[in-house]
Amino acid sequence: MLTPRVLVTPAAEATIDLLRDEHGPLMFHQSGGCCDGSSPMCFTKGEFRIGGNDVWLGQIHGCDFFMSTSQFEYWQHTQLTVDVTKGRGASFSLEIPLGVRFLIRSRLFTEEESRNLEPVRVGEEYLAQQAAEA
């Protein structure tokens, strides 16, 4: 079994469910720090343009999760867990009006996990494949 690169807590899943009910299919992109440090940003699927400088890390609760390749260089040895906390972030992420914000908890992969990691894919190539399969 492959080790996932990104996980999600039950509390974050509940927030995703609320947002999905209101906005439809969702996606995440790990912010590079321009607005709210380095936070996972939640968008309506397709609202954030994914390109050749982004990588797909996996899915959380039915939502694709992306990150820039330059940021991935620093995070490639860590498992990310998307969580949620009370408080308003200073971002354009969909959860902000709910009075909560998504955040990342991280830990280093074990040596065994590192040998079995879910493969990373170039963002735009992943999206093109998904469109072709639809």
N, C-alpha and C. Protein backbone atom coordinates (compact mmCIF):
# COMPACT_ATOMS: atom_id res chain seq x y z
N MET A 1 0.84 -1.19 0.00
CA MET A 1 0.00 0.00 0.00
C MET A 1 0.89 1.24 0.00
N LEU A 2 0.54 2.21 -0.84
CA LEU A 2 1.32 3.43 -0.94
C LEU A 2 1.04 4.36 0.24
N THR A 3 2.07 5.07 0.67
CA THR A 3 1.93 6.04 1.74
C THR A 3 1.41 7.35 1.15
N PRO A 4 0.28 7.85 1.64
CA PRO A 4 -0.23 9.12 1.11
C PRO A 4 0.65 10.29 1.56
N ARG A 5 0.79 11.27 0.70
CA ARG A 5 1.57 12.46 1.01
C ARG A 5 0.75 13.49 1.78
N VAL A 6 -0.57 13.41 1.65
CA VAL A 6 -1.43 14.38 2.32
C VAL A 6 -2.64 13.66 2.91
N LEU A 7 -2.97 14.03 4.15
CA LEU A 7 -4.10 13.46 4.89
C LEU A 7 -5.03 14.59 5.31
N VAL A 8 -6.15 14.24 5.93
CA VAL A 8 -7.11 15.25 6.39
C VAL A 8 -7.73 14.77 7.70
N THR A 9 -7.96 15.69 8.62
CA THR A 9 -8.59 15.35 9.90
C THR A 9 -10.11 15.29 9.73
N PRO A 10 -10.80 14.61 10.65
CA PRO A 10 -12.27 14.59 10.59
C PRO A 10 -12.88 16.00 10.68
N ALA A 11 -12.30 16.88 11.48
CA ALA A 11 -12.82 18.25 11.58
C ALA A 11 -12.69 18.98 10.25
N ALA A 12 -11.57 18.79 9.56
CA ALA A 12 -11.40 19.42 8.25
C ALA A 12 -12.36 18.79 7.23
N GLU A 13 -12.60 17.49 7.33
CA GLU A 13 -13.57 16.84 6.44
C GLU A 13 -14.95 17.45 6.60
N ALA A 14 -15.35 17.72 7.85
CA ALA A 14 -16.67 18.32 8.10
C ALA A 14 -16.76 19.71 7.47
N THR A 15 -15.69 20.48 7.54
CA THR A 15 -15.67 21.81 6.92
C THR A 15 -15.71 21.68 5.40
N ILE A 16 -14.98 20.73 4.86
CA ILE A 16 -15.01 20.49 3.41
C ILE A 16 -16.43 20.13 2.98
N ASP A 17 -17.13 19.31 3.76
CA ASP A 17 -18.51 18.95 3.43
C ASP A 17 -19.40 20.19 3.36
N LEU A 18 -19.27 21.09 4.33
CA LEU A 18 -20.06 22.33 4.32
C LEU A 18 -19.77 23.15 3.08
N LEU A 19 -18.49 23.29 2.76
CA LEU A 19 -18.09 24.09 1.60
C LEU A 19 -18.54 23.45 0.30
N ARG A 20 -18.43 22.13 0.22
CA ARG A 20 -18.85 21.42 -1.00
C ARG A 20 -20.35 21.58 -1.22
N ASP A 21 -21.13 21.53 -0.13
CA ASP A 21 -22.58 21.72 -0.25
C ASP A 21 -22.92 23.09 -0.83
N GLU A 22 -22.13 24.09 -0.48
CA GLU A 22 -22.40 25.46 -0.94
C GLU A 22 -21.77 25.77 -2.30
N HIS A 23 -20.56 25.26 -2.53
CA HIS A 23 -19.79 25.68 -3.71
C HIS A 23 -19.61 24.60 -4.77
N GLY A 24 -19.96 23.37 -4.49
CA GLY A 24 -19.73 22.29 -5.44
C GLY A 24 -18.34 21.69 -5.27
N PRO A 25 -17.82 21.02 -6.30
CA PRO A 25 -16.51 20.37 -6.21
C PRO A 25 -15.41 21.38 -5.82
N LEU A 26 -14.48 20.90 -5.00
CA LEU A 26 -13.43 21.76 -4.45
C LEU A 26 -12.04 21.25 -4.81
N MET A 27 -11.05 22.12 -4.62
CA MET A 27 -9.64 21.77 -4.79
C MET A 27 -8.84 22.55 -3.75
N PHE A 28 -7.63 22.08 -3.47
CA PHE A 28 -6.73 22.77 -2.55
C PHE A 28 -5.41 23.08 -3.25
N HIS A 29 -4.83 24.21 -2.86
CA HIS A 29 -3.47 24.55 -3.29
C HIS A 29 -2.76 25.09 -2.06
N GLN A 30 -1.60 24.52 -1.76
CA GLN A 30 -0.82 24.97 -0.61
C GLN A 30 -0.21 26.33 -0.94
N SER A 31 -0.63 27.33 -0.20
CA SER A 31 -0.16 28.70 -0.42
C SER A 31 1.35 28.79 -0.21
N GLY A 32 1.96 29.64 -1.00
CA GLY A 32 3.39 29.89 -0.86
C GLY A 32 3.73 30.99 0.12
N GLY A 33 2.73 31.59 0.75
CA GLY A 33 3.00 32.55 1.80
C GLY A 33 2.69 33.99 1.51
N CYS A 34 2.06 34.31 0.39
CA CYS A 34 1.83 35.71 0.06
C CYS A 34 0.81 36.37 0.98
N CYS A 35 -0.23 35.65 1.38
CA CYS A 35 -1.33 36.28 2.11
C CYS A 35 -1.45 35.81 3.56
N ASP A 36 -1.27 34.55 3.79
CA ASP A 36 -1.54 34.01 5.12
C ASP A 36 -0.49 32.98 5.49
N GLY A 37 0.77 33.39 5.40
CA GLY A 37 1.84 32.44 5.67
C GLY A 37 1.83 31.36 4.62
N SER A 38 1.92 30.13 5.06
CA SER A 38 1.88 28.99 4.15
C SER A 38 0.69 28.14 4.56
N SER A 39 -0.47 28.43 3.99
CA SER A 39 -1.71 27.77 4.37
C SER A 39 -2.32 27.03 3.19
N PRO A 40 -3.06 25.96 3.48
CA PRO A 40 -3.80 25.31 2.39
C PRO A 40 -4.98 26.19 2.01
N MET A 41 -5.08 26.50 0.75
CA MET A 41 -6.14 27.36 0.25
C MET A 41 -7.18 26.49 -0.45
N CYS A 42 -8.44 26.67 -0.10
CA CYS A 42 -9.54 25.91 -0.68
C CYS A 42 -10.27 26.78 -1.71
N PHE A 43 -10.44 26.22 -2.90
CA PHE A 43 -11.10 26.93 -4.00
C PHE A 43 -12.16 26.03 -4.61
N THR A 44 -13.12 26.65 -5.30
CA THR A 44 -14.00 25.88 -6.15
C THR A 44 -13.12 25.22 -7.21
N LYS A 45 -13.38 23.96 -7.50
CA LYS A 45 -12.55 23.23 -8.46
C LYS A 45 -12.44 24.00 -9.77
N GLY A 46 -11.20 24.22 -10.21
CA GLY A 46 -10.93 24.94 -11.45
C GLY A 46 -10.76 26.43 -11.27
N GLU A 47 -11.07 26.98 -10.09
CA GLU A 47 -10.95 28.42 -9.86
C GLU A 47 -9.50 28.87 -9.78
N PHE A 48 -8.64 28.01 -9.26
CA PHE A 48 -7.20 28.30 -9.19
C PHE A 48 -6.53 27.61 -10.36
N ARG A 49 -5.83 28.36 -11.15
CA ARG A 49 -5.22 27.79 -12.36
C ARG A 49 -3.96 26.99 -11.99
N ILE A 50 -3.97 25.73 -12.34
CA ILE A 50 -2.85 24.83 -12.10
C ILE A 50 -2.02 24.77 -13.37
N GLY A 51 -0.69 24.81 -13.22
CA GLY A 51 0.18 24.79 -14.39
C GLY A 51 1.35 23.84 -14.22
N GLY A 52 2.32 24.00 -15.08
CA GLY A 52 3.50 23.15 -15.08
C GLY A 52 4.42 23.35 -13.89
N ASN A 53 4.19 24.41 -13.12
CA ASN A 53 5.00 24.66 -11.93
C ASN A 53 4.30 24.19 -10.66
N ASP A 54 3.26 23.39 -10.82
CA ASP A 54 2.54 22.83 -9.68
C ASP A 54 2.62 21.32 -9.73
N VAL A 55 2.55 20.70 -8.57
CA VAL A 55 2.51 19.24 -8.48
C VAL A 55 1.24 18.82 -7.75
N TRP A 56 0.72 17.67 -8.16
CA TRP A 56 -0.43 17.05 -7.51
C TRP A 56 0.12 16.10 -6.46
N LEU A 57 -0.31 16.28 -5.20
CA LEU A 57 0.18 15.43 -4.11
C LEU A 57 -0.79 14.30 -3.77
N GLY A 58 -2.04 14.45 -4.14
CA GLY A 58 -3.03 13.43 -3.81
C GLY A 58 -4.39 14.06 -3.66
N GLN A 59 -5.29 13.29 -3.07
CA GLN A 59 -6.64 13.78 -2.80
C GLN A 59 -6.93 13.69 -1.32
N ILE A 60 -7.68 14.68 -0.83
CA ILE A 60 -8.19 14.63 0.53
C ILE A 60 -9.70 14.80 0.47
N HIS A 61 -10.41 13.84 0.99
CA HIS A 61 -11.87 13.90 1.07
C HIS A 61 -12.48 14.28 -0.28
N GLY A 62 -11.94 13.68 -1.35
CA GLY A 62 -12.45 13.90 -2.70
C GLY A 62 -11.98 15.17 -3.38
N CYS A 63 -11.01 15.86 -2.79
CA CYS A 63 -10.50 17.12 -3.35
C CYS A 63 -9.03 16.96 -3.74
N ASP A 64 -8.68 17.37 -4.97
CA ASP A 64 -7.28 17.35 -5.38
C ASP A 64 -6.49 18.36 -4.56
N PHE A 65 -5.25 17.99 -4.24
CA PHE A 65 -4.37 18.85 -3.44
C PHE A 65 -3.09 19.10 -4.22
N PHE A 66 -2.78 20.37 -4.47
CA PHE A 66 -1.62 20.78 -5.26
C PHE A 66 -0.69 21.67 -4.44
N MET A 67 0.54 21.80 -4.94
CA MET A 67 1.56 22.65 -4.34
C MET A 67 2.53 23.05 -5.45
N SER A 68 3.17 24.20 -5.31
CA SER A 68 4.16 24.60 -6.31
C SER A 68 5.37 23.66 -6.23
N THR A 69 6.03 23.45 -7.35
CA THR A 69 7.20 22.56 -7.36
C THR A 69 8.31 23.11 -6.49
N SER A 70 8.49 24.43 -6.46
CA SER A 70 9.55 25.01 -5.63
C SER A 70 9.27 24.78 -4.15
N GLN A 71 8.03 24.89 -3.74
CA GLN A 71 7.69 24.63 -2.34
C GLN A 71 7.80 23.14 -2.03
N PHE A 72 7.43 22.30 -2.99
CA PHE A 72 7.53 20.86 -2.79
C PHE A 72 8.96 20.43 -2.51
N GLU A 73 9.94 21.11 -3.08
CA GLU A 73 11.34 20.79 -2.80
C GLU A 73 11.62 20.80 -1.30
N TYR A 74 10.99 21.70 -0.57
CA TYR A 74 11.19 21.80 0.88
C TYR A 74 10.33 20.81 1.66
N TRP A 75 9.17 20.44 1.11
CA TRP A 75 8.20 19.63 1.84
C TRP A 75 8.19 18.17 1.40
N GLN A 76 9.03 17.77 0.47
CA GLN A 76 8.93 16.44 -0.11
C GLN A 76 9.16 15.30 0.88
N HIS A 77 9.80 15.57 1.99
CA HIS A 77 10.08 14.52 2.98
C HIS A 77 9.08 14.52 4.13
N THR A 78 7.99 15.28 3.98
CA THR A 78 7.01 15.38 5.06
C THR A 78 5.62 14.96 4.60
N GLN A 79 4.90 14.35 5.54
CA GLN A 79 3.49 14.06 5.30
C GLN A 79 2.69 15.24 5.83
N LEU A 80 1.80 15.75 5.02
CA LEU A 80 0.99 16.90 5.38
C LEU A 80 -0.38 16.42 5.84
N THR A 81 -0.90 17.03 6.89
CA THR A 81 -2.25 16.76 7.34
C THR A 81 -3.01 18.08 7.36
N VAL A 82 -4.09 18.14 6.59
CA VAL A 82 -4.93 19.34 6.58
C VAL A 82 -5.87 19.26 7.78
N ASP A 83 -5.84 20.32 8.59
CA ASP A 83 -6.70 20.43 9.77
C ASP A 83 -7.43 21.77 9.67
N VAL A 84 -8.27 22.05 10.63
CA VAL A 84 -9.01 23.31 10.65
C VAL A 84 -9.00 23.83 12.08
N THR A 85 -8.99 25.15 12.23
CA THR A 85 -9.00 25.78 13.54
C THR A 85 -9.89 27.02 13.48
N LYS A 86 -10.39 27.44 14.63
CA LYS A 86 -11.18 28.66 14.68
C LYS A 86 -10.28 29.86 14.43
N GLY A 87 -10.84 30.88 13.84
CA GLY A 87 -10.09 32.10 13.57
C GLY A 87 -10.13 32.43 12.10
N ARG A 88 -9.94 33.68 11.81
CA ARG A 88 -9.98 34.14 10.42
C ARG A 88 -8.57 34.28 9.89
N GLY A 89 -8.34 33.65 8.78
CA GLY A 89 -7.08 33.85 8.08
C GLY A 89 -7.21 35.06 7.17
N ALA A 90 -6.09 35.50 6.64
CA ALA A 90 -6.09 36.66 5.74
C ALA A 90 -5.90 36.17 4.31
N SER A 91 -6.80 35.30 3.87
CA SER A 91 -6.63 34.71 2.54
C SER A 91 -7.94 34.73 1.78
N PHE A 92 -7.89 34.21 0.57
CA PHE A 92 -9.07 34.12 -0.28
C PHE A 92 -9.69 32.73 -0.24
N SER A 93 -9.29 31.92 0.71
CA SER A 93 -9.78 30.56 0.82
C SER A 93 -11.26 30.55 1.21
N LEU A 94 -12.01 29.58 0.70
CA LEU A 94 -13.46 29.54 0.86
C LEU A 94 -13.95 29.41 2.30
N GLU A 95 -13.15 28.86 3.19
CA GLU A 95 -13.62 28.63 4.56
C GLU A 95 -13.61 29.89 5.42
N ILE A 96 -12.92 30.93 5.01
CA ILE A 96 -12.74 32.13 5.84
C ILE A 96 -14.06 32.71 6.34
N PRO A 97 -15.11 32.86 5.51
CA PRO A 97 -16.38 33.40 6.03
C PRO A 97 -17.03 32.55 7.12
N LEU A 98 -16.61 31.30 7.26
CA LEU A 98 -17.16 30.43 8.31
C LEU A 98 -16.53 30.70 9.67
N GLY A 99 -15.51 31.57 9.72
CA GLY A 99 -14.83 31.85 10.98
C GLY A 99 -13.80 30.80 11.36
N VAL A 100 -13.38 30.02 10.37
CA VAL A 100 -12.34 29.01 10.58
C VAL A 100 -11.31 29.15 9.46
N ARG A 101 -10.20 28.46 9.64
CA ARG A 101 -9.19 28.44 8.58
C ARG A 101 -8.52 27.08 8.57
N PHE A 102 -8.17 26.64 7.36
CA PHE A 102 -7.42 25.40 7.23
C PHE A 102 -5.96 25.67 7.59
N LEU A 103 -5.31 24.66 8.11
CA LEU A 103 -3.88 24.75 8.41
C LEU A 103 -3.24 23.40 8.14
N ILE A 104 -1.92 23.42 8.07
CA ILE A 104 -1.16 22.19 7.81
C ILE A 104 -0.42 21.77 9.07
N ARG A 105 -0.53 20.51 9.38
CA ARG A 105 0.33 19.88 10.39
C ARG A 105 1.23 18.95 9.59
N SER A 106 2.47 18.85 9.96
CA SER A 106 3.38 18.02 9.17
C SER A 106 4.28 17.19 10.06
N ARG A 107 4.76 16.12 9.48
CA ARG A 107 5.75 15.27 10.15
C ARG A 107 6.62 14.64 9.08
N LEU A 108 7.83 14.28 9.44
CA LEU A 108 8.73 13.62 8.50
C LEU A 108 8.26 12.19 8.25
N PHE A 109 8.43 11.75 7.02
CA PHE A 109 8.14 10.35 6.71
C PHE A 109 9.19 9.47 7.38
N THR A 110 8.79 8.26 7.76
CA THR A 110 9.76 7.28 8.23
C THR A 110 10.52 6.76 7.00
N GLU A 111 11.62 6.06 7.22
CA GLU A 111 12.36 5.49 6.09
C GLU A 111 11.49 4.52 5.30
N GLU A 112 10.72 3.71 6.00
CA GLU A 112 9.85 2.75 5.32
C GLU A 112 8.78 3.48 4.49
N GLU A 113 8.16 4.50 5.07
CA GLU A 113 7.15 5.26 4.34
C GLU A 113 7.76 5.92 3.10
N SER A 114 8.98 6.42 3.23
CA SER A 114 9.65 7.08 2.11
C SER A 114 9.84 6.15 0.92
N ARG A 115 9.99 4.86 1.19
CA ARG A 115 10.17 3.89 0.11
C ARG A 115 8.85 3.57 -0.61
N ASN A 116 7.73 3.92 0.00
CA ASN A 116 6.41 3.57 -0.56
C ASN A 116 5.52 4.79 -0.78
N LEU A 117 6.09 5.90 -1.14
CA LEU A 117 5.30 7.12 -1.29
C LEU A 117 4.42 7.12 -2.53
N GLU A 118 3.23 7.69 -2.37
CA GLU A 118 2.35 7.92 -3.51
C GLU A 118 3.10 8.83 -4.48
N PRO A 119 3.10 8.52 -5.77
CA PRO A 119 3.87 9.35 -6.71
C PRO A 119 3.28 10.75 -6.87
N VAL A 120 4.18 11.70 -7.07
CA VAL A 120 3.79 13.09 -7.34
C VAL A 120 3.68 13.24 -8.84
N ARG A 121 2.71 14.04 -9.29
CA ARG A 121 2.53 14.25 -10.73
C ARG A 121 2.48 15.74 -11.03
N VAL A 122 2.99 16.12 -12.20
CA VAL A 122 2.92 17.51 -12.62
C VAL A 122 1.45 17.90 -12.73
N GLY A 123 1.09 19.03 -12.13
CA GLY A 123 -0.30 19.44 -12.01
C GLY A 123 -1.08 19.47 -13.30
N GLU A 124 -0.57 20.16 -14.31
CA GLU A 124 -1.35 20.28 -15.55
C GLU A 124 -1.46 18.95 -16.28
N GLU A 125 -0.46 18.09 -16.16
CA GLU A 125 -0.54 16.76 -16.77
C GLU A 125 -1.60 15.91 -16.06
N TYR A 126 -1.64 16.01 -14.74
CA TYR A 126 -2.65 15.28 -13.97
C TYR A 126 -4.05 15.73 -14.38
N LEU A 127 -4.27 17.04 -14.48
CA LEU A 127 -5.58 17.56 -14.85
C LEU A 127 -5.98 17.15 -16.26
N ALA A 128 -5.01 17.16 -17.19
CA ALA A 128 -5.30 16.74 -18.57
C ALA A 128 -5.72 15.27 -18.60
N GLN A 129 -5.04 14.44 -17.82
CA GLN A 129 -5.40 13.02 -17.76
C GLN A 129 -6.80 12.85 -17.17
N GLN A 130 -7.11 13.60 -16.12
CA GLN A 130 -8.43 13.52 -15.51
C GLN A 130 -9.52 13.92 -16.51
N ALA A 131 -9.26 14.96 -17.29
CA ALA A 131 -10.23 15.42 -18.29
C ALA A 131 -10.43 14.37 -19.38
N ALA A 132 -9.34 13.73 -19.78
CA ALA A 132 -9.42 12.71 -20.83
C ALA A 132 -10.20 11.48 -20.36
N GLU A 133 -10.10 11.17 -19.07
CA GLU A 133 -10.79 10.00 -18.52
C GLU A 133 -12.26 10.28 -18.23
N ALA A 134 -12.64 11.56 -18.19
CA ALA A 134 -14.03 11.92 -17.85
C ALA A 134 -14.98 11.69 -19.00
